[in-house]
Protein backbone atom coordinates (compact mmCIF):
# COMPACT_ATOMS: atom_id res chain seq x y z
CA MET A 1 63.36 37.54 127.80
CA VAL A 2 63.66 38.62 124.18
CA ALA A 3 67.30 38.78 122.93
CA VAL A 4 66.62 40.25 119.57
CA ASP A 5 63.75 42.43 118.39
CA ILE A 6 63.72 43.42 114.82
CA SER A 7 60.58 45.35 113.81
CA GLY A 8 59.61 46.74 110.34
CA VAL A 9 63.17 47.15 109.14
CA HIS A 10 63.89 48.60 105.81
CA LYS A 11 67.28 49.20 104.20
CA SER A 12 68.30 50.54 100.75
CA PHE A 13 71.53 51.60 99.23
CA PRO A 14 71.84 54.27 96.48
CA GLY A 15 73.34 53.37 93.10
CA HIS A 16 76.12 55.21 91.18
CA TRP A 17 75.16 58.96 90.25
CA GLY A 18 71.76 58.35 91.97
CA LYS A 19 70.72 55.60 89.68
CA GLY A 20 70.20 51.85 90.08
CA GLY A 21 69.74 51.84 93.83
CA VAL A 22 69.22 48.54 95.71
CA TYR A 23 66.46 47.87 98.11
CA ALA A 24 68.18 45.15 100.38
CA VAL A 25 65.63 44.64 103.19
CA LYS A 26 62.08 45.23 102.94
CA GLY A 27 59.91 45.39 106.19
CA VAL A 28 61.50 42.50 108.00
CA SER A 29 60.28 41.78 111.61
CA LEU A 30 61.44 38.92 113.71
CA ARG A 31 62.13 38.10 117.47
CA ILE A 32 64.73 35.75 119.03
CA PRO A 33 64.17 34.56 122.64
CA GLU A 34 67.30 34.60 124.86
CA GLY A 35 69.25 31.31 124.76
CA GLY A 36 68.05 30.11 121.47
CA VAL A 37 69.68 29.54 118.12
CA TYR A 38 68.06 31.23 115.11
CA GLY A 39 68.92 30.61 111.54
CA LEU A 40 68.34 33.04 108.74
CA ILE A 41 68.57 31.36 105.31
CA GLY A 42 68.19 32.52 101.78
CA PRO A 43 70.03 32.80 98.43
CA ASN A 44 73.02 35.11 97.97
CA GLY A 45 71.87 38.59 97.63
CA SER A 46 68.79 38.23 99.59
CA GLY A 47 69.66 40.75 102.44
CA LYS A 48 70.92 38.39 105.18
CA SER A 49 74.26 40.16 105.65
CA THR A 50 72.60 43.60 105.47
CA LEU A 51 70.20 42.66 108.28
CA MET A 52 72.94 41.23 110.40
CA LYS A 53 75.08 44.38 109.98
CA MET A 54 72.09 46.39 111.18
CA LEU A 55 71.78 44.28 114.16
CA VAL A 56 75.31 44.68 115.23
CA GLY A 57 75.21 48.46 114.66
CA LEU A 58 77.31 48.66 111.47
CA LEU A 59 74.40 49.92 109.47
CA ARG A 60 71.51 52.06 110.47
CA PRO A 61 68.01 51.01 109.09
CA ASP A 62 66.01 53.56 106.94
CA GLU A 63 62.86 52.60 108.76
CA GLY A 64 62.04 50.34 111.70
CA HIS A 65 64.33 49.38 114.60
CA CYS A 66 66.72 46.67 115.77
CA ARG A 67 66.98 46.00 119.57
CA VAL A 68 69.33 43.85 121.45
CA PHE A 69 68.26 42.88 125.08
CA GLY A 70 65.94 45.95 124.93
CA ARG A 71 68.39 48.54 123.76
CA PRO A 72 68.88 49.98 120.30
CA ALA A 73 71.41 47.98 118.20
CA SER A 74 73.69 51.01 117.98
CA ALA A 75 73.89 51.60 121.75
CA PRO A 76 77.48 51.60 122.98
CA GLU A 77 76.58 49.11 125.77
CA ASN A 78 75.95 46.55 123.29
CA ARG A 79 79.55 46.35 122.15
CA ARG A 80 80.18 44.02 125.18
CA GLU A 81 76.96 42.06 124.67
CA ILE A 82 77.43 41.12 121.02
CA GLY A 83 80.11 38.91 119.44
CA PHE A 84 80.29 39.15 115.62
CA LEU A 85 82.01 36.91 113.01
CA PRO A 86 81.61 38.31 109.41
CA GLU A 87 81.49 36.22 106.40
CA ASN A 88 85.00 37.15 105.35
CA PRO A 89 87.00 38.12 108.49
CA TYR A 90 90.31 39.73 108.18
CA PHE A 91 93.24 38.71 110.45
CA TYR A 92 96.86 39.68 110.79
CA LYS A 93 98.44 36.62 109.11
CA PHE A 94 101.83 37.11 110.84
CA LEU A 95 100.33 36.57 114.27
CA THR A 96 99.76 33.09 115.84
CA GLY A 97 96.46 31.87 116.97
CA GLU A 98 97.16 32.57 120.55
CA GLU A 99 98.48 35.96 119.87
CA THR A 100 95.40 36.75 117.96
CA VAL A 101 93.02 35.87 120.76
CA ARG A 102 95.13 37.83 123.09
CA PHE A 103 95.09 40.96 120.73
CA TYR A 104 91.22 40.88 120.69
CA GLY A 105 91.09 40.27 124.35
CA ARG A 106 93.17 43.39 125.07
CA LEU A 107 90.81 45.34 122.84
CA CYS A 108 87.99 44.32 124.99
CA GLY A 109 89.89 45.35 128.21
CA LEU A 110 91.29 42.06 129.40
CA ARG A 111 94.70 42.03 130.95
CA GLY A 112 97.01 39.73 132.96
CA ALA A 113 95.85 36.47 134.28
CA ALA A 114 92.20 36.98 133.11
CA LEU A 115 93.45 37.36 129.58
CA ARG A 116 95.65 34.33 129.72
CA GLU A 117 92.91 32.24 131.14
CA ARG A 118 90.35 33.40 128.61
CA THR A 119 92.80 32.83 125.74
CA ALA A 120 93.48 29.27 126.92
CA GLU A 121 89.75 28.56 127.24
CA LEU A 122 88.85 29.74 123.88
CA LEU A 123 91.62 27.99 122.04
CA HIS A 124 90.38 24.75 123.89
CA LEU A 125 86.78 25.43 122.96
CA THR A 126 87.62 25.82 119.26
CA GLY A 127 89.98 22.90 119.12
CA LEU A 128 93.01 25.01 118.29
CA GLU A 129 95.28 24.27 121.20
CA GLU A 130 97.78 22.36 119.07
CA ALA A 131 97.87 25.19 116.44
CA ALA A 132 98.06 28.04 119.14
CA HIS A 133 101.62 28.94 118.33
CA ARG A 134 101.36 28.52 114.49
CA ARG A 135 101.00 31.78 112.51
CA LEU A 136 97.55 32.39 110.86
CA GLY A 137 99.13 32.55 107.44
CA GLY A 138 99.41 28.77 107.75
CA TYR A 139 95.81 28.19 108.95
CA SER A 140 93.26 26.43 106.74
CA LYS A 141 89.81 28.06 106.05
CA GLY A 142 88.18 26.00 108.70
CA MET A 143 90.85 27.00 111.34
CA LEU A 144 90.46 30.67 110.41
CA GLN A 145 86.74 30.41 110.94
CA ARG A 146 87.41 28.83 114.37
CA ILE A 147 89.74 31.57 115.37
CA GLY A 148 87.11 34.00 114.24
CA LEU A 149 84.74 32.36 116.63
CA ALA A 150 87.31 32.65 119.32
CA GLN A 151 87.69 36.35 118.82
CA ALA A 152 83.88 36.85 118.66
CA LEU A 153 83.65 35.16 122.05
CA VAL A 154 86.56 36.68 123.86
CA GLN A 155 84.45 39.35 125.81
CA GLN A 156 81.89 36.68 126.81
CA PRO A 157 78.88 38.07 124.87
CA ARG A 158 75.34 37.18 125.57
CA LEU A 159 74.45 37.24 121.77
CA LEU A 160 76.69 35.79 119.06
CA VAL A 161 75.99 36.83 115.44
CA LEU A 162 77.61 34.59 112.75
CA ASP A 163 77.49 35.39 109.02
CA GLU A 164 78.05 32.13 106.95
CA PRO A 165 80.26 30.51 109.62
CA THR A 166 80.85 27.30 107.75
CA ALA A 167 81.17 28.77 104.18
CA GLY A 168 84.00 27.20 102.38
CA VAL A 169 84.91 24.79 105.28
CA ASP A 170 85.49 21.07 104.87
CA PRO A 171 82.94 18.73 106.57
CA ILE A 172 85.19 18.08 109.51
CA GLY A 173 85.66 21.71 110.29
CA SER A 174 81.93 22.39 109.61
CA ARG A 175 81.06 19.77 112.16
CA THR A 176 83.42 21.23 114.68
CA ILE A 177 81.85 24.68 114.24
CA ARG A 178 78.33 23.32 114.68
CA ASP A 179 79.42 21.40 117.77
CA ILE A 180 80.74 24.62 119.18
CA ILE A 181 77.32 26.48 118.39
CA VAL A 182 75.40 23.67 120.24
CA SER A 183 77.69 23.96 123.29
CA LEU A 184 77.21 27.72 123.31
CA LYS A 185 73.50 27.27 123.31
CA GLU A 186 73.87 24.95 126.31
CA ARG A 187 75.56 27.75 128.04
CA GLY A 188 72.73 30.03 127.45
CA ILE A 189 74.28 32.13 124.84
CA THR A 190 71.87 33.36 122.06
CA VAL A 191 73.13 32.55 118.56
CA PHE A 192 71.91 34.22 115.38
CA LEU A 193 73.40 32.77 112.24
CA CYS A 194 72.80 33.10 108.56
CA SER A 195 73.64 30.52 105.98
CA HIS A 196 72.57 29.03 102.70
CA LEU A 197 73.62 25.47 103.84
CA LEU A 198 70.02 24.45 104.74
CA GLU A 199 70.87 20.99 106.38
CA GLN A 200 73.27 22.60 108.88
CA VAL A 201 70.72 25.27 109.86
CA GLN A 202 68.06 22.45 110.22
CA GLU A 203 70.42 20.64 112.52
CA VAL A 204 71.41 23.23 115.09
CA CYS A 205 68.67 25.93 115.00
CA ASP A 206 65.55 26.14 117.08
CA ARG A 207 63.88 28.54 114.77
CA ALA A 208 64.55 29.93 111.30
CA GLY A 209 63.38 32.54 108.81
CA ILE A 210 63.60 32.46 104.96
CA LEU A 211 64.65 35.62 103.37
CA TYR A 212 64.19 36.35 99.70
CA GLN A 213 64.79 39.51 97.84
CA GLY A 214 64.67 41.39 101.13
CA ASN A 215 61.41 39.92 102.28
CA LEU A 216 60.88 37.38 105.16
CA ILE A 217 58.65 35.00 103.32
CA ALA A 218 58.57 32.25 106.13
CA GLU A 219 59.39 32.02 109.78
CA GLY A 220 58.93 29.53 112.64
CA SER A 221 60.22 26.62 114.53
CA MET A 222 61.98 23.93 112.47
CA ALA A 223 59.14 21.46 113.09
CA GLU A 224 56.67 24.10 111.74
CA LEU A 225 58.79 24.84 108.62
CA THR A 226 59.56 21.34 107.72
CA GLU A 227 56.29 19.75 108.30
CA GLU A 228 54.68 18.20 105.22
CA ARG A 229 50.94 18.35 105.98
CA GLY A 230 48.89 15.33 104.92
CA SER A 231 51.80 13.04 105.01
CA THR A 232 53.12 10.83 107.81
CA THR A 233 56.59 9.14 108.13
CA ILE A 234 56.81 5.73 109.91
CA THR A 235 60.30 4.59 110.94
CA LEU A 236 60.92 0.84 111.43
CA ASN A 237 64.10 -0.83 112.78
CA ALA A 238 64.95 -3.75 110.29
CA PRO A 239 61.28 -4.83 109.62
CA SER A 240 60.55 -8.21 108.24
CA PRO A 241 59.12 -8.70 104.64
CA GLU A 242 55.92 -10.15 106.40
CA LEU A 243 55.50 -6.98 108.46
CA LEU A 244 55.89 -4.66 105.51
CA ALA A 245 53.36 -6.77 103.50
CA ALA A 246 50.89 -6.68 106.36
CA MET A 247 51.31 -2.88 106.68
CA GLN A 248 50.84 -2.51 102.92
CA GLN A 249 47.65 -4.44 102.97
CA LEU A 250 46.36 -2.56 106.03
CA ALA A 251 47.19 0.86 104.45
CA GLY A 252 45.45 0.09 101.18
CA ASP A 253 45.54 3.07 98.70
CA SER A 254 47.49 5.22 101.31
CA TRP A 255 50.52 3.02 100.89
CA ALA A 256 53.21 5.04 98.95
CA GLY A 257 55.99 2.53 99.02
CA ALA A 258 58.94 1.51 101.34
CA SER A 259 62.56 1.88 100.79
CA PRO A 260 65.74 1.69 103.03
CA ALA A 261 66.36 4.65 105.17
CA GLN A 262 69.17 6.97 103.85
CA LEU A 263 71.84 8.84 105.55
CA PRO A 264 73.01 12.29 104.64
CA LEU A 265 76.29 11.92 102.55
CA GLU A 266 78.02 14.23 105.22
CA THR A 267 77.12 11.67 108.00
CA VAL A 268 78.78 8.90 106.03
CA PHE A 269 81.75 10.80 105.30
CA LEU A 270 82.26 11.81 109.09
CA ARG A 271 81.65 8.29 110.26
CA GLY A 272 84.36 6.97 107.91
CA ILE A 273 86.89 9.55 109.07
CA ARG A 274 86.16 8.98 112.72
CA LYS A 275 86.49 5.13 112.29
CA LYS A 276 89.99 5.60 110.55
CA MET A 277 91.09 7.99 113.31
CA ALA A 278 89.99 5.57 116.03
CA GLU A 279 91.86 2.64 114.23
CA ALA A 280 94.99 4.87 113.98
CA LYS A 281 94.81 5.60 117.72
CA ALA A 282 94.52 1.97 118.53
CA GLU A 283 97.53 0.87 116.56
């Protein structure tokens, strides 16, 4: 089943005094299957947030349509089906993490034992159990993003829409958020996220689209988008000099060189942190 169907969507905004209008989205069409993770990437101002706001019913397209599970995006029934985390969510800083999740749960109609169980479940999922009774005014950026994820999930949506979920978040918090996205996919929840952090999109998404100046200029699976045609990568585990020499001779003019495999800097950082944490626990 198709979770999201965006077809021929256009959106523009008028300028001041009728001048200098902005054409934010220009004829975008894409489909997201249920249970997948789709990434929308592009530079700032490319129309990503505008497209997401149309999908969750906060904006109406000038032309085209957005459908969620077969219904128009603005249909009241979608309010329970869609969870949304905007790029800059606002929270009441005097509330604790637990109070915040309970507040949004009550807005979604939860009460009593069901609300308490759902709150505990989401605090555990987002790794905020130890900070549950701390006021949000003392939360870091990464913790606020995770409490934002909790509020977006409180009504158990089938579609989760995330606008720059890891923007301004440190590598540890960013990794936690990505792990949560992967766990949600395993539960069958469809995730639609936008980001300008390309490595993170490549890691968690099944498919992605590239938006530039309101136009969808490329779209497909991660393998399709990242394939470099006419070039092949061969990975060897600790090859001997003799093996490399033999391969070079066999390849002839096709040989382009050999160098040690490189790890992303983020992976090196996280490995170091985890090693120190394990050593501290062992002491």
